[in-house]
Amino acid sequence: MSTCGVVLFRAQPLHKAHMWLIEKALEENDKVCLVLGSSNKHEMLRNPFTFRLRKDMIIGALKNEMDIDRII
């Protein structure tokens, strides 16, 4: 039976603690689903980045660090 972990975060911006959470989830599960919160809020002081920009930042960071084929 395969397992799928879930990491829910805003990534405003992505930082080392987020990367650590994703890494730990990959250690404990076959796949990991990343869920970006506050996708409808952007260009605000607390949420400066759009969903698309955050997605691109995450993919760029993970490509060099982790097995992205296991990340949804």
Protein backbone atom coordinates (compact mmCIF):
# COMPACT_ATOMS: atom_id res chain seq x y z
CA MET A 1 0.00 0.00 0.00
CA SER A 2 1.41 3.42 -0.90
CA THR A 3 1.09 6.50 1.27
CA CYS A 4 0.68 10.16 0.41
CA GLY A 5 1.65 12.86 2.89
CA VAL A 6 0.24 16.38 2.78
CA VAL A 7 2.09 19.63 3.45
CA LEU A 8 -0.11 22.73 3.74
CA PHE A 9 1.70 26.06 3.65
CA ARG A 10 1.57 29.56 2.14
CA ALA A 11 5.22 29.81 1.05
CA GLN A 12 5.21 33.60 1.25
CA PRO A 13 8.14 33.08 0.58
CA LEU A 14 9.44 29.53 0.49
CA HIS A 15 12.16 29.05 3.11
CA LYS A 16 14.36 26.39 4.74
CA ALA A 17 11.68 25.25 7.20
CA HIS A 18 9.29 24.53 4.30
CA MET A 19 12.01 22.54 2.54
CA TRP A 20 12.64 20.59 5.76
CA LEU A 21 8.91 19.77 6.09
CA ILE A 22 8.76 18.54 2.50
CA GLU A 23 11.90 16.46 2.99
CA LYS A 24 10.50 14.85 6.16
CA ALA A 25 7.19 14.12 4.44
CA LEU A 26 9.08 12.42 1.58
CA GLU A 27 11.02 10.31 4.08
CA GLU A 28 7.77 9.07 5.63
CA ASN A 29 5.59 8.69 2.51
CA ASP A 30 5.72 7.40 -1.04
CA LYS A 31 4.33 10.68 -2.40
CA VAL A 32 3.73 14.14 -0.98
CA CYS A 33 0.94 16.54 -1.95
CA LEU A 34 1.85 20.21 -1.52
CA VAL A 35 -1.13 22.47 -0.84
CA LEU A 36 -0.64 26.22 -1.18
CA GLY A 37 -2.94 28.20 1.08
CA SER A 38 -4.16 31.75 0.44
CA SER A 39 -4.14 31.23 -3.32
CA ASN A 40 -6.87 33.82 -3.75
CA LYS A 41 -4.92 36.48 -1.86
CA HIS A 42 -1.89 38.25 -3.32
CA GLU A 43 -0.29 41.64 -3.68
CA MET A 44 -0.89 42.25 0.01
CA LEU A 45 1.69 42.90 2.71
CA ARG A 46 1.13 39.46 4.27
CA ASN A 47 0.72 37.66 0.92
CA PRO A 48 2.89 39.46 -1.64
CA PHE A 49 3.30 36.63 -4.17
CA THR A 50 0.77 35.17 -6.61
CA PHE A 51 -0.03 31.46 -6.72
CA ARG A 52 1.84 31.08 -10.04
CA LEU A 53 5.00 32.78 -8.71
CA ARG A 54 4.98 30.63 -5.56
CA LYS A 55 4.46 27.47 -7.62
CA ASP A 56 7.39 28.37 -9.89
CA MET A 57 9.63 29.16 -6.87
CA ILE A 58 8.77 25.82 -5.26
CA ILE A 59 9.35 23.79 -8.43
CA GLY A 60 12.66 25.57 -9.04
CA ALA A 61 13.85 24.92 -5.50
CA LEU A 62 12.72 21.29 -5.41
CA LYS A 63 14.22 20.36 -8.79
CA ASN A 64 17.71 20.75 -7.38
CA GLU A 65 17.04 19.26 -3.96
CA MET A 66 14.49 16.43 -4.10
CA ASP A 67 12.80 13.77 -6.23
CA ILE A 68 10.04 15.91 -7.75
CA ASP A 69 8.41 12.88 -9.39
CA ARG A 70 7.11 11.98 -5.92
CA ILE A 71 5.58 15.43 -5.33
CA ILE A 72 2.06 16.38 -6.35
